[in-house]
Amino acid sequence: MAMDPRLRRNPASILVVEKVLKLAHNCLAPSRQTRPVMQKCAEILWRIRKEYNEKSLNTAALPIANSANVVQGDARKNRHTYFGIEDSESYRFRSA
């Protein structure tokens, strides 16, 4: 399955990706009559989201961090490390 390796893979997230890919495949049907209408797509996506949230709650809970045991530090650096963002000054917004 095509899934960003930086995403946390678990049974719930894998199931979500499979369902979204199935919906995308249905949306790409060659005939307009066989493609789902947007209202149906929205309903399916909301159902997928609801199922994901339910399954995520049922998986092993992660330890909860209280404010007393949160290590203070460079928030930007922590975000960059967590999301795998390279810290480089060469990445700047440039207007087209």
N, C-alpha and C. Protein backbone atom coordinates (compact mmCIF):
# COMPACT_ATOMS: atom_id res chain seq x y z
N MET A 1 0.85 -1.18 0.00
CA MET A 1 0.00 0.00 0.00
C MET A 1 0.89 1.24 0.00
N ALA A 2 0.46 2.24 -0.71
CA ALA A 2 1.19 3.51 -0.76
C ALA A 2 0.82 4.33 0.47
N MET A 3 1.78 4.47 1.37
CA MET A 3 1.52 5.23 2.58
C MET A 3 2.82 5.87 3.03
N ASP A 4 2.75 7.14 3.35
CA ASP A 4 3.93 7.87 3.78
C ASP A 4 4.56 7.15 4.97
N PRO A 5 5.83 6.78 4.87
CA PRO A 5 6.46 6.03 5.96
C PRO A 5 6.56 6.82 7.26
N ARG A 6 6.42 8.15 7.19
CA ARG A 6 6.49 8.96 8.41
C ARG A 6 5.18 8.93 9.19
N LEU A 7 4.10 8.45 8.57
CA LEU A 7 2.82 8.35 9.28
C LEU A 7 2.88 7.17 10.23
N ARG A 8 2.18 7.31 11.31
CA ARG A 8 2.13 6.22 12.28
C ARG A 8 1.16 5.17 11.78
N ARG A 9 1.71 4.05 11.38
CA ARG A 9 0.86 2.97 10.87
C ARG A 9 0.30 2.18 12.04
N ASN A 10 -0.99 1.99 11.98
CA ASN A 10 -1.67 1.13 12.93
C ASN A 10 -2.88 0.58 12.19
N PRO A 11 -3.54 -0.42 12.72
CA PRO A 11 -4.68 -1.01 12.00
C PRO A 11 -5.74 0.01 11.60
N ALA A 12 -6.00 0.99 12.44
CA ALA A 12 -7.03 1.98 12.13
C ALA A 12 -6.61 2.87 10.97
N SER A 13 -5.37 3.34 10.97
CA SER A 13 -4.93 4.23 9.88
C SER A 13 -4.81 3.48 8.56
N ILE A 14 -4.39 2.23 8.60
CA ILE A 14 -4.31 1.43 7.37
C ILE A 14 -5.70 1.22 6.80
N LEU A 15 -6.67 0.93 7.65
CA LEU A 15 -8.05 0.75 7.20
C LEU A 15 -8.59 2.03 6.56
N VAL A 16 -8.29 3.17 7.15
CA VAL A 16 -8.74 4.46 6.60
C VAL A 16 -8.17 4.67 5.21
N VAL A 17 -6.88 4.43 5.05
CA VAL A 17 -6.25 4.62 3.75
C VAL A 17 -6.89 3.70 2.71
N GLU A 18 -7.13 2.45 3.08
CA GLU A 18 -7.76 1.51 2.15
C GLU A 18 -9.15 1.99 1.73
N LYS A 19 -9.93 2.48 2.68
CA LYS A 19 -11.29 2.94 2.36
C LYS A 19 -11.28 4.20 1.51
N VAL A 20 -10.37 5.12 1.80
CA VAL A 20 -10.28 6.35 1.00
C VAL A 20 -9.82 6.02 -0.41
N LEU A 21 -8.87 5.10 -0.55
CA LEU A 21 -8.42 4.69 -1.88
C LEU A 21 -9.55 4.03 -2.66
N LYS A 22 -10.37 3.24 -1.99
CA LYS A 22 -11.51 2.61 -2.66
C LYS A 22 -12.49 3.67 -3.14
N LEU A 23 -12.77 4.67 -2.30
CA LEU A 23 -13.66 5.76 -2.69
C LEU A 23 -13.07 6.52 -3.88
N ALA A 24 -11.77 6.80 -3.83
CA ALA A 24 -11.12 7.51 -4.93
C ALA A 24 -11.23 6.71 -6.22
N HIS A 25 -11.06 5.41 -6.12
CA HIS A 25 -11.20 4.55 -7.31
C HIS A 25 -12.61 4.66 -7.88
N ASN A 26 -13.62 4.64 -7.02
CA ASN A 26 -15.01 4.77 -7.48
C ASN A 26 -15.25 6.13 -8.13
N CYS A 27 -14.62 7.17 -7.60
CA CYS A 27 -14.80 8.52 -8.14
C CYS A 27 -14.15 8.68 -9.52
N LEU A 28 -13.22 7.80 -9.84
CA LEU A 28 -12.53 7.87 -11.13
C LEU A 28 -13.16 6.99 -12.20
N ALA A 29 -14.34 6.46 -11.93
CA ALA A 29 -15.02 5.62 -12.92
C ALA A 29 -15.21 6.40 -14.22
N PRO A 30 -15.04 5.73 -15.36
CA PRO A 30 -15.13 6.44 -16.64
C PRO A 30 -16.52 6.99 -16.95
N SER A 31 -17.54 6.34 -16.46
CA SER A 31 -18.91 6.77 -16.75
C SER A 31 -19.45 7.61 -15.59
N ARG A 32 -20.06 8.72 -15.93
CA ARG A 32 -20.62 9.61 -14.90
C ARG A 32 -21.68 8.90 -14.06
N GLN A 33 -22.45 8.05 -14.70
CA GLN A 33 -23.53 7.36 -13.99
C GLN A 33 -23.01 6.39 -12.93
N THR A 34 -21.80 5.90 -13.11
CA THR A 34 -21.27 4.94 -12.13
C THR A 34 -20.46 5.61 -11.02
N ARG A 35 -20.17 6.90 -11.17
CA ARG A 35 -19.43 7.62 -10.12
C ARG A 35 -20.40 8.06 -9.02
N PRO A 36 -19.96 8.03 -7.76
CA PRO A 36 -20.84 8.50 -6.68
C PRO A 36 -21.00 10.02 -6.73
N VAL A 37 -22.17 10.48 -6.32
CA VAL A 37 -22.41 11.93 -6.26
C VAL A 37 -21.64 12.49 -5.07
N MET A 38 -21.40 13.79 -5.07
CA MET A 38 -20.59 14.41 -4.02
C MET A 38 -21.21 14.22 -2.63
N GLN A 39 -22.52 14.25 -2.54
CA GLN A 39 -23.17 14.05 -1.23
C GLN A 39 -22.82 12.67 -0.69
N LYS A 40 -22.84 11.67 -1.55
CA LYS A 40 -22.50 10.31 -1.13
C LYS A 40 -21.03 10.23 -0.71
N CYS A 41 -20.16 10.90 -1.47
CA CYS A 41 -18.73 10.93 -1.12
C CYS A 41 -18.53 11.55 0.27
N ALA A 42 -19.21 12.65 0.52
CA ALA A 42 -19.09 13.32 1.82
C ALA A 42 -19.58 12.40 2.94
N GLU A 43 -20.69 11.70 2.71
CA GLU A 43 -21.21 10.77 3.72
C GLU A 43 -20.21 9.66 4.00
N ILE A 44 -19.62 9.12 2.94
CA ILE A 44 -18.64 8.05 3.10
C ILE A 44 -17.43 8.55 3.87
N LEU A 45 -16.94 9.73 3.51
CA LEU A 45 -15.77 10.28 4.21
C LEU A 45 -16.05 10.54 5.68
N TRP A 46 -17.25 11.05 6.01
CA TRP A 46 -17.60 11.26 7.41
C TRP A 46 -17.69 9.94 8.15
N ARG A 47 -18.23 8.91 7.50
CA ARG A 47 -18.33 7.58 8.12
C ARG A 47 -16.93 7.01 8.37
N ILE A 48 -16.04 7.18 7.39
CA ILE A 48 -14.66 6.71 7.56
C ILE A 48 -14.01 7.43 8.74
N ARG A 49 -14.22 8.73 8.83
CA ARG A 49 -13.64 9.51 9.93
C ARG A 49 -14.18 9.02 11.28
N LYS A 50 -15.48 8.79 11.34
CA LYS A 50 -16.10 8.33 12.58
C LYS A 50 -15.54 6.96 12.98
N GLU A 51 -15.44 6.05 12.02
CA GLU A 51 -14.90 4.72 12.31
C GLU A 51 -13.45 4.81 12.78
N TYR A 52 -12.67 5.70 12.15
CA TYR A 52 -11.27 5.86 12.55
C TYR A 52 -11.18 6.35 13.99
N ASN A 53 -11.99 7.35 14.33
CA ASN A 53 -11.97 7.88 15.70
C ASN A 53 -12.36 6.81 16.70
N GLU A 54 -13.36 5.99 16.36
CA GLU A 54 -13.79 4.93 17.27
C GLU A 54 -12.69 3.88 17.43
N LYS A 55 -12.07 3.48 16.33
CA LYS A 55 -11.02 2.47 16.40
C LYS A 55 -9.78 3.01 17.12
N SER A 56 -9.50 4.29 16.93
CA SER A 56 -8.34 4.89 17.59
C SER A 56 -8.53 4.91 19.10
N LEU A 57 -9.76 5.13 19.55
CA LEU A 57 -10.04 5.14 20.98
C LEU A 57 -9.92 3.74 21.57
N ASN A 58 -10.19 2.72 20.75
CA ASN A 58 -10.15 1.35 21.23
C ASN A 58 -8.73 0.78 21.27
N THR A 59 -7.78 1.42 20.59
CA THR A 59 -6.41 0.93 20.62
C THR A 59 -5.76 1.33 21.93
N ALA A 60 -4.61 0.81 22.16
CA ALA A 60 -3.90 1.10 23.41
C ALA A 60 -3.69 2.60 23.55
N ALA A 61 -4.05 3.11 24.69
CA ALA A 61 -3.93 4.55 24.94
C ALA A 61 -2.48 4.91 25.16
N LEU A 62 -2.11 6.05 24.60
CA LEU A 62 -0.76 6.57 24.82
C LEU A 62 -0.71 7.24 26.18
N PRO A 63 0.45 7.25 26.80
CA PRO A 63 0.56 7.94 28.10
C PRO A 63 0.20 9.42 27.95
N ILE A 64 -0.53 9.91 28.90
CA ILE A 64 -0.96 11.30 28.87
C ILE A 64 0.09 12.15 29.57
N ALA A 65 0.48 13.22 28.91
CA ALA A 65 1.49 14.12 29.49
C ALA A 65 0.79 15.22 30.27
N ASN A 66 1.12 15.33 31.53
CA ASN A 66 0.62 16.43 32.34
C ASN A 66 1.56 17.61 32.17
N SER A 67 1.06 18.79 32.45
CA SER A 67 1.91 19.97 32.31
C SER A 67 3.12 19.90 33.25
N ALA A 68 3.01 19.14 34.32
CA ALA A 68 4.12 19.05 35.28
C ALA A 68 5.29 18.27 34.72
N ASN A 69 5.02 17.29 33.83
CA ASN A 69 6.13 16.50 33.32
C ASN A 69 6.41 16.73 31.83
N VAL A 70 6.00 17.86 31.31
CA VAL A 70 6.32 18.22 29.93
C VAL A 70 7.64 18.97 29.94
N VAL A 71 8.56 18.50 29.14
CA VAL A 71 9.87 19.14 29.07
C VAL A 71 9.75 20.39 28.22
N GLN A 72 10.17 21.50 28.79
CA GLN A 72 10.15 22.75 28.05
C GLN A 72 11.35 22.77 27.12
N GLY A 73 11.15 23.34 25.94
CA GLY A 73 12.26 23.41 25.00
C GLY A 73 11.86 24.23 23.79
N ASP A 74 12.63 24.09 22.77
CA ASP A 74 12.40 24.81 21.54
C ASP A 74 11.24 24.14 20.80
N ALA A 75 10.06 24.76 20.84
CA ALA A 75 8.87 24.16 20.24
C ALA A 75 9.03 23.97 18.74
N ARG A 76 9.65 24.93 18.07
CA ARG A 76 9.83 24.82 16.62
C ARG A 76 10.71 23.62 16.29
N LYS A 77 11.79 23.45 17.02
CA LYS A 77 12.69 22.33 16.79
C LYS A 77 11.97 21.01 17.05
N ASN A 78 11.16 20.96 18.12
CA ASN A 78 10.41 19.74 18.43
C ASN A 78 9.42 19.40 17.32
N ARG A 79 8.72 20.42 16.79
CA ARG A 79 7.78 20.18 15.69
C ARG A 79 8.51 19.67 14.47
N HIS A 80 9.65 20.29 14.17
CA HIS A 80 10.41 19.89 12.99
C HIS A 80 10.91 18.46 13.13
N THR A 81 11.36 18.08 14.31
CA THR A 81 11.81 16.73 14.55
C THR A 81 10.64 15.75 14.45
N TYR A 82 9.53 16.08 15.06
CA TYR A 82 8.36 15.20 15.07
C TYR A 82 7.82 14.97 13.67
N PHE A 83 7.72 16.04 12.87
CA PHE A 83 7.14 15.92 11.54
C PHE A 83 8.19 15.66 10.47
N GLY A 84 9.45 15.52 10.84
CA GLY A 84 10.49 15.22 9.87
C GLY A 84 10.80 16.36 8.93
N ILE A 85 10.69 17.59 9.42
CA ILE A 85 10.94 18.78 8.60
C ILE A 85 12.40 19.15 8.72
N GLU A 86 13.04 19.33 7.58
CA GLU A 86 14.42 19.78 7.60
C GLU A 86 14.45 21.25 7.97
N ASP A 87 15.35 21.60 8.87
CA ASP A 87 15.46 22.99 9.29
C ASP A 87 16.49 23.67 8.39
N SER A 88 15.99 24.41 7.43
CA SER A 88 16.88 25.05 6.47
C SER A 88 16.34 26.43 6.14
N GLU A 89 17.23 27.37 6.03
CA GLU A 89 16.83 28.72 5.67
C GLU A 89 16.52 28.82 4.18
N SER A 90 16.87 27.79 3.40
CA SER A 90 16.63 27.85 1.96
C SER A 90 15.15 27.67 1.62
N TYR A 91 14.36 27.17 2.58
CA TYR A 91 12.94 27.00 2.35
C TYR A 91 12.22 28.26 2.78
N ARG A 92 11.84 29.05 1.84
CA ARG A 92 11.11 30.28 2.13
C ARG A 92 9.94 30.39 1.18
N PHE A 93 8.89 31.05 1.63
CA PHE A 93 7.73 31.27 0.77
C PHE A 93 8.10 32.28 -0.30
N ARG A 94 7.79 31.92 -1.52
CA ARG A 94 8.03 32.84 -2.63
C ARG A 94 6.74 32.99 -3.40
N SER A 95 6.35 34.21 -3.60
CA SER A 95 5.13 34.50 -4.35
C SER A 95 5.36 34.22 -5.82
N ALA A 96 4.33 33.69 -6.47
CA ALA A 96 4.46 33.33 -7.89
C ALA A 96 4.37 34.50 -8.79
